[in-house]
Every structure is written in C-alpha cells, then in structure tokens.
Amino acid sequence: MYRSWYAIVNGKRIATMVGEPKRREEALDFARFHWPEADVEPNELSRVDG
C-alpha cells in the first residue's frame, strides 16, 4: 500500500494523488474517474506496511 500515486496518461505523469493508503486497484479506480485512459504508478517513498 502507498500513500502517494502518480496518474499517468500517454506516458506522462499528469498528477500526484496523495491521501489515505491505497492499493493499486483503488488508486487506479480513483485516477480513471478523473482520467479514463489513466494508469497509475506508486511513489515508492510513500510505501506503508499493511
């Protein structure tokens, strides 16, 4: 789980999403609500155990 995720569109980081710890699926759902074609990648520095 990570507290920070990057939203990626067309290979570019367009946003940083920060908040409660999320798994990839949750972050992807959130990103695609705003940018339907988005993918996500975690900010490795924001990793939390859990």
C-alpha atoms as a PDB file:
ATOM      1  CA  MET A   1       0.000   0.000   0.000  1.00  0.00           C
ATOM      2  CA  TYR A   2       1.121   3.515  -0.776  1.00  0.00           C
ATOM      3  CA  ARG A   3       0.041   6.975   0.370  1.00  0.00           C
ATOM      4  CA  SER A   4       1.015   8.607  -2.914  1.00  0.00           C
ATOM      5  CA  TRP A   5       0.362   7.560  -6.507  1.00  0.00           C
ATOM      6  CA  TYR A   6       1.191   9.139  -9.849  1.00  0.00           C
ATOM      7  CA  ALA A   7      -1.515   9.335 -12.509  1.00  0.00           C
ATOM      8  CA  ILE A   8      -0.001   8.540 -15.914  1.00  0.00           C
ATOM      9  CA  VAL A   9      -1.590   9.478 -19.247  1.00  0.00           C
ATOM     10  CA  ASN A  10       0.169   8.920 -22.562  1.00  0.00           C
ATOM     11  CA  GLY A  11       3.360   8.048 -20.694  1.00  0.00           C
ATOM     12  CA  LYS A  12       3.443  11.335 -18.757  1.00  0.00           C
ATOM     13  CA  ARG A  13       2.866  11.961 -15.063  1.00  0.00           C
ATOM     14  CA  ILE A  14      -0.055  14.362 -15.040  1.00  0.00           C
ATOM     15  CA  ALA A  15      -0.943  14.327 -11.349  1.00  0.00           C
ATOM     16  CA  THR A  16       0.152  13.134  -7.926  1.00  0.00           C
ATOM     17  CA  MET A  17      -2.611  11.678  -5.802  1.00  0.00           C
ATOM     18  CA  VAL A  18      -1.975  11.827  -2.048  1.00  0.00           C
ATOM     19  CA  GLY A  19      -4.092  10.628   0.853  1.00  0.00           C
ATOM     20  CA  GLU A  20      -5.089   7.511   2.749  1.00  0.00           C
ATOM     21  CA  PRO A  21      -3.011   4.406   1.949  1.00  0.00           C
ATOM     22  CA  LYS A  22      -4.388   2.661  -1.122  1.00  0.00           C
ATOM     23  CA  ARG A  23      -3.748  -0.491  -3.074  1.00  0.00           C
ATOM     24  CA  ARG A  24      -3.127  -0.224  -6.820  1.00  0.00           C
ATOM     25  CA  GLU A  25      -6.715  -1.159  -7.735  1.00  0.00           C
ATOM     26  CA  GLU A  26      -8.143   1.608  -5.537  1.00  0.00           C
ATOM     27  CA  ALA A  27      -5.716   4.193  -6.898  1.00  0.00           C
ATOM     28  CA  LEU A  28      -6.493   3.133 -10.474  1.00  0.00           C
ATOM     29  CA  ASP A  29     -10.253   3.440  -9.902  1.00  0.00           C
ATOM     30  CA  PHE A  30      -9.766   6.937  -8.483  1.00  0.00           C
ATOM     31  CA  ALA A  31      -7.479   8.020 -11.336  1.00  0.00           C
ATOM     32  CA  ARG A  32      -9.801   6.648 -14.025  1.00  0.00           C
ATOM     33  CA  PHE A  33     -12.736   8.526 -12.522  1.00  0.00           C
ATOM     34  CA  HIS A  34     -10.895  11.720 -13.481  1.00  0.00           C
ATOM     35  CA  TRP A  35      -8.875  10.496 -16.487  1.00  0.00           C
ATOM     36  CA  PRO A  36     -10.497   7.416 -18.098  1.00  0.00           C
ATOM     37  CA  GLU A  37      -7.327   6.482 -20.003  1.00  0.00           C
ATOM     38  CA  ALA A  38      -5.029   6.801 -16.962  1.00  0.00           C
ATOM     39  CA  ASP A  39      -2.685   4.280 -15.454  1.00  0.00           C
ATOM     40  CA  VAL A  40      -1.020   4.664 -12.049  1.00  0.00           C
ATOM     41  CA  GLU A  41       2.374   4.036 -10.529  1.00  0.00           C
ATOM     42  CA  PRO A  42       3.267   4.243  -6.860  1.00  0.00           C
ATOM     43  CA  ASN A  43       5.563   6.778  -5.294  1.00  0.00           C
ATOM     44  CA  GLU A  44       7.999   4.304  -3.730  1.00  0.00           C
ATOM     45  CA  LEU A  45       8.842   6.753  -0.923  1.00  0.00           C
ATOM     46  CA  SER A  46       5.239   6.634   0.295  1.00  0.00           C
ATOM     47  CA  ARG A  47       5.061   2.870   0.943  1.00  0.00           C
ATOM     48  CA  VAL A  48       3.336   1.817   4.155  1.00  0.00           C
ATOM     49  CA  ASP A  49       3.096  -1.645   5.680  1.00  0.00           C
ATOM     50  CA  GLY A  50      -0.340  -3.055   5.967  1.00  0.00           C
END
